[in-house]
Amino acid sequence: MSSDQLLERLAQLEEAVRRATETIARLREDNVRLVRERKQVVAQVDSILKDLAKLHDTP
């Protein structure tokens, strides 16, 4: 393999690593957002269930 081919492959590898790094960063941000949203939804569901329990217990 010639040095030009090696340099080209190295450039391709560097680009692939850059894209992978950006993707990982984006996925981490998405994960943080989804965890936060999940906690909010769980809190809303808990609140609804408590309200339903109060209605059920009311004569």
PDB file of N, CA and C in Angstrom:
ATOM      1  N   MET A   1       0.851  -1.164   0.000  1.00  0.00           N
ATOM      2  CA  MET A   1       0.000   0.000   0.000  1.00  0.00           C
ATOM      3  C   MET A   1       0.901   1.234   0.000  1.00  0.00           C
ATOM      4  N   SER A   2       0.598   2.182  -0.863  1.00  0.00           N
ATOM      5  CA  SER A   2       1.441   3.377  -0.959  1.00  0.00           C
ATOM      6  C   SER A   2       1.138   4.344   0.186  1.00  0.00           C
ATOM      7  N   SER A   3       2.046   5.271   0.381  1.00  0.00           N
ATOM      8  CA  SER A   3       1.860   6.239   1.473  1.00  0.00           C
ATOM      9  C   SER A   3       0.653   7.136   1.208  1.00  0.00           C
ATOM     10  N   ASP A   4       0.368   7.416  -0.067  1.00  0.00           N
ATOM     11  CA  ASP A   4      -0.821   8.214  -0.389  1.00  0.00           C
ATOM     12  C   ASP A   4      -2.092   7.475   0.020  1.00  0.00           C
ATOM     13  N   GLN A   5      -2.117   6.183  -0.239  1.00  0.00           N
ATOM     14  CA  GLN A   5      -3.281   5.383   0.148  1.00  0.00           C
ATOM     15  C   GLN A   5      -3.420   5.330   1.669  1.00  0.00           C
ATOM     16  N   LEU A   6      -2.292   5.185   2.345  1.00  0.00           N
ATOM     17  CA  LEU A   6      -2.322   5.157   3.807  1.00  0.00           C
ATOM     18  C   LEU A   6      -2.822   6.484   4.372  1.00  0.00           C
ATOM     19  N   LEU A   7      -2.352   7.583   3.793  1.00  0.00           N
ATOM     20  CA  LEU A   7      -2.802   8.894   4.252  1.00  0.00           C
ATOM     21  C   LEU A   7      -4.301   9.082   4.007  1.00  0.00           C
ATOM     22  N   GLU A   8      -4.761   8.600   2.876  1.00  0.00           N
ATOM     23  CA  GLU A   8      -6.197   8.690   2.569  1.00  0.00           C
ATOM     24  C   GLU A   8      -7.005   7.863   3.560  1.00  0.00           C
ATOM     25  N   ARG A   9      -6.561   6.668   3.834  1.00  0.00           N
ATOM     26  CA  ARG A   9      -7.259   5.800   4.805  1.00  0.00           C
ATOM     27  C   ARG A   9      -7.237   6.428   6.197  1.00  0.00           C
ATOM     28  N   LEU A  10      -6.108   7.024   6.558  1.00  0.00           N
ATOM     29  CA  LEU A  10      -6.002   7.689   7.853  1.00  0.00           C
ATOM     30  C   LEU A  10      -6.994   8.855   7.934  1.00  0.00           C
ATOM     31  N   ALA A  11      -7.105   9.617   6.872  1.00  0.00           N
ATOM     32  CA  ALA A  11      -8.058  10.730   6.837  1.00  0.00           C
ATOM     33  C   ALA A  11      -9.490  10.208   6.970  1.00  0.00           C
ATOM     34  N   GLN A  12      -9.788   9.099   6.299  1.00  0.00           N
ATOM     35  CA  GLN A  12     -11.123   8.506   6.406  1.00  0.00           C
ATOM     36  C   GLN A  12     -11.397   8.042   7.834  1.00  0.00           C
ATOM     37  N   LEU A  13     -10.398   7.436   8.434  1.00  0.00           N
ATOM     38  CA  LEU A  13     -10.544   6.964   9.812  1.00  0.00           C
ATOM     39  C   LEU A  13     -10.761   8.136  10.768  1.00  0.00           C
ATOM     40  N   GLU A  14      -9.991   9.195  10.593  1.00  0.00           N
ATOM     41  CA  GLU A  14     -10.152  10.373  11.445  1.00  0.00           C
ATOM     42  C   GLU A  14     -11.549  10.966  11.299  1.00  0.00           C
ATOM     43  N   GLU A  15     -12.050  11.012  10.087  1.00  0.00           N
ATOM     44  CA  GLU A  15     -13.401  11.527   9.840  1.00  0.00           C
ATOM     45  C   GLU A  15     -14.447  10.631  10.497  1.00  0.00           C
ATOM     46  N   ALA A  16     -14.268   9.338  10.398  1.00  0.00           N
ATOM     47  CA  ALA A  16     -15.205   8.400  11.024  1.00  0.00           C
ATOM     48  C   ALA A  16     -15.189   8.553  12.544  1.00  0.00           C
ATOM     49  N   VAL A  17     -14.025   8.744  13.112  1.00  0.00           N
ATOM     50  CA  VAL A  17     -13.912   8.940  14.566  1.00  0.00           C
ATOM     51  C   VAL A  17     -14.593  10.248  14.963  1.00  0.00           C
ATOM     52  N   ARG A  18     -14.409  11.295  14.182  1.00  0.00           N
ATOM     53  CA  ARG A  18     -15.052  12.583  14.463  1.00  0.00           C
ATOM     54  C   ARG A  18     -16.570  12.444  14.446  1.00  0.00           C
ATOM     55  N   ARG A  19     -17.091  11.768  13.421  1.00  0.00           N
ATOM     56  CA  ARG A  19     -18.547  11.564  13.330  1.00  0.00           C
ATOM     57  C   ARG A  19     -19.052  10.736  14.501  1.00  0.00           C
ATOM     58  N   ALA A  20     -18.312   9.699  14.856  1.00  0.00           N
ATOM     59  CA  ALA A  20     -18.718   8.848  15.979  1.00  0.00           C
ATOM     60  C   ALA A  20     -18.726   9.640  17.284  1.00  0.00           C
ATOM     61  N   THR A  21     -17.731  10.482  17.469  1.00  0.00           N
ATOM     62  CA  THR A  21     -17.659  11.307  18.678  1.00  0.00           C
ATOM     63  C   THR A  21     -18.850  12.257  18.747  1.00  0.00           C
ATOM     64  N   GLU A  22     -19.186  12.877  17.631  1.00  0.00           N
ATOM     65  CA  GLU A  22     -20.346  13.776  17.590  1.00  0.00           C
ATOM     66  C   GLU A  22     -21.635  13.017  17.871  1.00  0.00           C
ATOM     67  N   THR A  23     -21.753  11.831  17.320  1.00  0.00           N
ATOM     68  CA  THR A  23     -22.946  11.016  17.544  1.00  0.00           C
ATOM     69  C   THR A  23     -23.073  10.624  19.009  1.00  0.00           C
ATOM     70  N   ILE A  24     -21.978  10.218  19.609  1.00  0.00           N
ATOM     71  CA  ILE A  24     -22.000   9.841  21.030  1.00  0.00           C
ATOM     72  C   ILE A  24     -22.410  11.040  21.885  1.00  0.00           C
ATOM     73  N   ALA A  25     -21.881  12.208  21.594  1.00  0.00           N
ATOM     74  CA  ALA A  25     -22.233  13.409  22.358  1.00  0.00           C
ATOM     75  C   ALA A  25     -23.719  13.713  22.214  1.00  0.00           C
ATOM     76  N   ARG A  26     -24.233  13.611  20.999  1.00  0.00           N
ATOM     77  CA  ARG A  26     -25.659  13.866  20.759  1.00  0.00           C
ATOM     78  C   ARG A  26     -26.522  12.843  21.487  1.00  0.00           C
ATOM     79  N   LEU A  27     -26.120  11.582  21.461  1.00  0.00           N
ATOM     80  CA  LEU A  27     -26.882  10.540  22.145  1.00  0.00           C
ATOM     81  C   LEU A  27     -26.873  10.737  23.655  1.00  0.00           C
ATOM     82  N   ARG A  28     -25.762  11.189  24.185  1.00  0.00           N
ATOM     83  CA  ARG A  28     -25.701  11.472  25.630  1.00  0.00           C
ATOM     84  C   ARG A  28     -26.659  12.598  25.992  1.00  0.00           C
ATOM     85  N   GLU A  29     -26.687  13.649  25.169  1.00  0.00           N
ATOM     86  CA  GLU A  29     -27.621  14.753  25.409  1.00  0.00           C
ATOM     87  C   GLU A  29     -29.063  14.261  25.329  1.00  0.00           C
ATOM     88  N   ASP A  30     -29.351  13.451  24.330  1.00  0.00           N
ATOM     89  CA  ASP A  30     -30.698  12.886  24.190  1.00  0.00           C
ATOM     90  C   ASP A  30     -31.063  12.050  25.405  1.00  0.00           C
ATOM     91  N   ASN A  31     -30.118  11.277  25.897  1.00  0.00           N
ATOM     92  CA  ASN A  31     -30.373  10.421  27.053  1.00  0.00           C
ATOM     93  C   ASN A  31     -30.703  11.258  28.288  1.00  0.00           C
ATOM     94  N   VAL A  32     -29.950  12.325  28.500  1.00  0.00           N
ATOM     95  CA  VAL A  32     -30.217  13.212  29.639  1.00  0.00           C
ATOM     96  C   VAL A  32     -31.622  13.796  29.517  1.00  0.00           C
ATOM     97  N   ARG A  33     -31.974  14.243  28.322  1.00  0.00           N
ATOM     98  CA  ARG A  33     -33.301  14.818  28.092  1.00  0.00           C
ATOM     99  C   ARG A  33     -34.392  13.785  28.327  1.00  0.00           C
ATOM    100  N   LEU A  34     -34.203  12.581  27.828  1.00  0.00           N
ATOM    101  CA  LEU A  34     -35.209  11.534  27.985  1.00  0.00           C
ATOM    102  C   LEU A  34     -35.371  11.105  29.438  1.00  0.00           C
ATOM    103  N   VAL A  35     -34.284  11.047  30.177  1.00  0.00           N
ATOM    104  CA  VAL A  35     -34.373  10.706  31.603  1.00  0.00           C
ATOM    105  C   VAL A  35     -35.181  11.776  32.332  1.00  0.00           C
ATOM    106  N   ARG A  36     -34.911  13.039  32.022  1.00  0.00           N
ATOM    107  CA  ARG A  36     -35.646  14.146  32.643  1.00  0.00           C
ATOM    108  C   ARG A  36     -37.134  14.065  32.292  1.00  0.00           C
ATOM    109  N   GLU A  37     -37.448  13.819  31.016  1.00  0.00           N
ATOM    110  CA  GLU A  37     -38.841  13.703  30.591  1.00  0.00           C
ATOM    111  C   GLU A  37     -39.525  12.523  31.269  1.00  0.00           C
ATOM    112  N   ARG A  38     -38.823  11.426  31.392  1.00  0.00           N
ATOM    113  CA  ARG A  38     -39.389  10.238  32.041  1.00  0.00           C
ATOM    114  C   ARG A  38     -39.752  10.542  33.487  1.00  0.00           C
ATOM    115  N   LYS A  39     -38.865  11.234  34.193  1.00  0.00           N
ATOM    116  CA  LYS A  39     -39.141  11.592  35.585  1.00  0.00           C
ATOM    117  C   LYS A  39     -40.376  12.482  35.679  1.00  0.00           C
ATOM    118  N   GLN A  40     -40.518  13.407  34.739  1.00  0.00           N
ATOM    119  CA  GLN A  40     -41.687  14.286  34.734  1.00  0.00           C
ATOM    120  C   GLN A  40     -42.966  13.488  34.492  1.00  0.00           C
ATOM    121  N   VAL A  41     -42.922  12.564  33.564  1.00  0.00           N
ATOM    122  CA  VAL A  41     -44.098  11.747  33.263  1.00  0.00           C
ATOM    123  C   VAL A  41     -44.459  10.873  34.458  1.00  0.00           C
ATOM    124  N   VAL A  42     -43.473  10.283  35.094  1.00  0.00           N
ATOM    125  CA  VAL A  42     -43.731   9.447  36.273  1.00  0.00           C
ATOM    126  C   VAL A  42     -44.379  10.288  37.371  1.00  0.00           C
ATOM    127  N   ALA A  43     -43.896  11.504  37.571  1.00  0.00           N
ATOM    128  CA  ALA A  43     -44.479  12.389  38.587  1.00  0.00           C
ATOM    129  C   ALA A  43     -45.924  12.723  38.238  1.00  0.00           C
ATOM    130  N   GLN A  44     -46.208  12.967  36.965  1.00  0.00           N
ATOM    131  CA  GLN A  44     -47.578  13.264  36.542  1.00  0.00           C
ATOM    132  C   GLN A  44     -48.486  12.061  36.753  1.00  0.00           C
ATOM    133  N   VAL A  45     -48.014  10.884  36.404  1.00  0.00           N
ATOM    134  CA  VAL A  45     -48.809   9.668  36.582  1.00  0.00           C
ATOM    135  C   VAL A  45     -49.064   9.425  38.066  1.00  0.00           C
ATOM    136  N   ASP A  46     -48.053   9.602  38.895  1.00  0.00           N
ATOM    137  CA  ASP A  46     -48.234   9.440  40.339  1.00  0.00           C
ATOM    138  C   ASP A  46     -49.294  10.401  40.864  1.00  0.00           C
ATOM    139  N   SER A  47     -49.248  11.634  40.398  1.00  0.00           N
ATOM    140  CA  SER A  47     -50.227  12.633  40.824  1.00  0.00           C
ATOM    141  C   SER A  47     -51.636  12.228  40.394  1.00  0.00           C
ATOM    142  N   ILE A  48     -51.775  11.769  39.183  1.00  0.00           N
ATOM    143  CA  ILE A  48     -53.082  11.320  38.686  1.00  0.00           C
ATOM    144  C   ILE A  48     -53.581  10.138  39.500  1.00  0.00           C
ATOM    145  N   LEU A  49     -52.709   9.195  39.784  1.00  0.00           N
ATOM    146  CA  LEU A  49     -53.110   8.025  40.572  1.00  0.00           C
ATOM    147  C   LEU A  49     -53.544   8.424  41.980  1.00  0.00           C
ATOM    148  N   LYS A  50     -52.856   9.380  42.575  1.00  0.00           N
ATOM    149  CA  LYS A  50     -53.251   9.858  43.907  1.00  0.00           C
ATOM    150  C   LYS A  50     -54.620  10.522  43.850  1.00  0.00           C
ATOM    151  N   ASP A  51     -54.845  11.339  42.821  1.00  0.00           N
ATOM    152  CA  ASP A  51     -56.151  11.985  42.667  1.00  0.00           C
ATOM    153  C   ASP A  51     -57.250  10.950  42.474  1.00  0.00           C
ATOM    154  N   LEU A  52     -56.980   9.932  41.686  1.00  0.00           N
ATOM    155  CA  LEU A  52     -57.966   8.868  41.473  1.00  0.00           C
ATOM    156  C   LEU A  52     -58.247   8.113  42.764  1.00  0.00           C
ATOM    157  N   ALA A  53     -57.212   7.881  43.549  1.00  0.00           N
ATOM    158  CA  ALA A  53     -57.392   7.186  44.822  1.00  0.00           C
ATOM    159  C   ALA A  53     -58.261   8.019  45.755  1.00  0.00           C
ATOM    160  N   LYS A  54     -58.060   9.335  45.762  1.00  0.00           N
ATOM    161  CA  LYS A  54     -58.889  10.218  46.588  1.00  0.00           C
ATOM    162  C   LYS A  54     -60.344  10.149  46.141  1.00  0.00           C
ATOM    163  N   LEU A  55     -60.572  10.166  44.836  1.00  0.00           N
ATOM    164  CA  LEU A  55     -61.942  10.087  44.319  1.00  0.00           C
ATOM    165  C   LEU A  55     -62.578   8.751  44.684  1.00  0.00           C
ATOM    166  N   HIS A  56     -61.799   7.724  44.631  1.00  0.00           N
ATOM    167  CA  HIS A  56     -62.303   6.383  44.935  1.00  0.00           C
ATOM    168  C   HIS A  56     -62.655   6.265  46.417  1.00  0.00           C
ATOM    169  N   ASP A  57     -61.876   6.907  47.271  1.00  0.00           N
ATOM    170  CA  ASP A  57     -62.090   6.828  48.717  1.00  0.00           C
ATOM    171  C   ASP A  57     -63.199   7.756  49.199  1.00  0.00           C
ATOM    172  N   THR A  58     -63.594   8.712  48.379  1.00  0.00           N
ATOM    173  CA  THR A  58     -64.640   9.651  48.774  1.00  0.00           C
ATOM    174  C   THR A  58     -66.003   8.962  48.672  1.00  0.00           C
ATOM    175  N   PRO A  59     -66.805   9.040  49.778  1.00  0.00           N
ATOM    176  CA  PRO A  59     -68.124   8.374  49.746  1.00  0.00           C
ATOM    177  C   PRO A  59     -69.123   9.064  48.848  1.00  0.00           C
TER     178      PRO A  59
END
